[in-house]
Protein backbone atom coordinates (compact mmCIF):
# COMPACT_ATOMS: atom_id res chain seq x y z
CA MET A 1 239.24 68.93 103.27
CA LEU A 2 240.04 70.43 106.64
CA THR A 3 237.69 71.34 109.47
CA VAL A 4 238.48 74.51 111.39
CA GLU A 5 236.98 75.12 114.81
CA PHE A 6 237.45 78.52 116.42
CA THR A 7 236.45 80.47 119.50
CA ILE A 8 236.87 84.18 120.05
CA GLU A 9 236.93 85.99 123.38
CA PRO A 10 235.77 87.99 125.19
CA PHE A 11 232.63 85.88 125.39
CA VAL A 12 229.40 87.75 126.06
CA GLU A 13 226.33 85.49 126.20
CA GLY A 14 223.65 86.54 123.75
CA ASP A 15 225.79 89.30 122.21
CA PRO A 16 228.76 88.04 120.18
CA GLY A 17 230.04 91.55 119.45
CA PRO A 18 231.91 92.82 116.39
CA HIS A 19 235.08 90.91 117.29
CA VAL A 20 233.08 87.73 116.56
CA THR A 21 230.60 88.81 113.89
CA ALA A 22 233.24 90.56 111.77
CA ALA A 23 235.54 87.53 111.98
CA VAL A 24 232.72 85.23 110.84
CA ALA A 25 231.98 87.65 107.99
CA ALA A 26 235.67 87.59 107.00
CA VAL A 27 235.53 83.81 106.63
CA GLU A 28 232.22 84.00 104.75
CA ALA A 29 233.76 86.57 102.37
CA HIS A 30 235.86 83.67 101.04
CA GLY A 31 232.63 81.90 100.02
CA ILE A 32 232.82 79.56 103.03
CA ALA A 33 229.79 78.74 105.17
CA VAL A 34 230.36 79.04 108.93
CA ASP A 35 228.43 76.86 111.37
CA PHE A 36 228.10 79.50 114.10
CA GLY A 37 227.66 78.13 117.62
CA PRO A 38 227.39 79.59 121.11
CA PHE A 39 230.71 78.13 122.31
CA GLY A 40 232.60 77.69 119.07
CA SER A 41 232.15 77.85 115.32
CA LEU A 42 233.16 75.53 112.48
CA PHE A 43 233.92 75.69 108.80
CA SER A 44 235.46 73.43 106.16
CA VAL A 45 238.22 74.59 103.85
CA ASP A 46 240.80 73.11 101.49
CA ALA A 47 244.45 73.09 102.52
CA GLU A 48 245.50 75.67 99.91
CA THR A 49 242.93 78.22 101.09
CA LEU A 50 243.41 77.62 104.83
CA PRO A 51 246.28 80.08 105.51
CA ALA A 52 244.53 83.08 103.91
CA VAL A 53 241.19 82.35 105.58
CA VAL A 54 242.69 81.89 109.05
CA ALA A 55 244.86 85.00 108.61
CA ASP A 56 241.78 87.06 107.75
CA LEU A 57 239.85 85.60 110.69
CA LEU A 58 242.63 86.52 113.12
CA ARG A 59 243.27 89.97 111.64
CA VAL A 60 239.60 90.94 111.76
CA ALA A 61 238.93 89.42 115.20
CA TYR A 62 241.85 91.22 116.85
CA GLY A 63 241.14 94.37 114.86
CA ASN A 64 237.66 94.44 116.39
CA GLY A 65 238.65 93.90 120.01
CA ALA A 66 239.26 90.18 120.49
CA THR A 67 241.44 89.34 123.48
CA PHE A 68 241.95 85.64 122.69
CA VAL A 69 241.36 83.48 119.61
CA ASN A 70 241.63 79.71 119.62
CA VAL A 71 241.87 77.91 116.26
CA SER A 72 241.93 74.13 115.86
CA VAL A 73 242.36 72.42 112.49
CA SER A 74 241.57 68.76 111.82
CA ARG A 75 241.72 66.59 108.73
CA PHE A 76 239.23 63.81 108.31
CA ASP A 77 240.13 61.51 105.44
CA SER A 78 237.21 59.67 103.92
């Protein structure tokens, strides 16, 4: 399993905006729970699903006005 951490700008405190909320919804549409945080959000995904989920996140974020998206992927073997 992989852990994906992402941030989406522009950052507006208290009002994430559609560039953030729509991107989170795009991930959740894959049946994946997002741990939404004020400075970054996390979700877990398998390696086979990762490319499609991240592609949707980026497409929707930029399509809704994002100016910068940072995505970090980590694998934690148990």
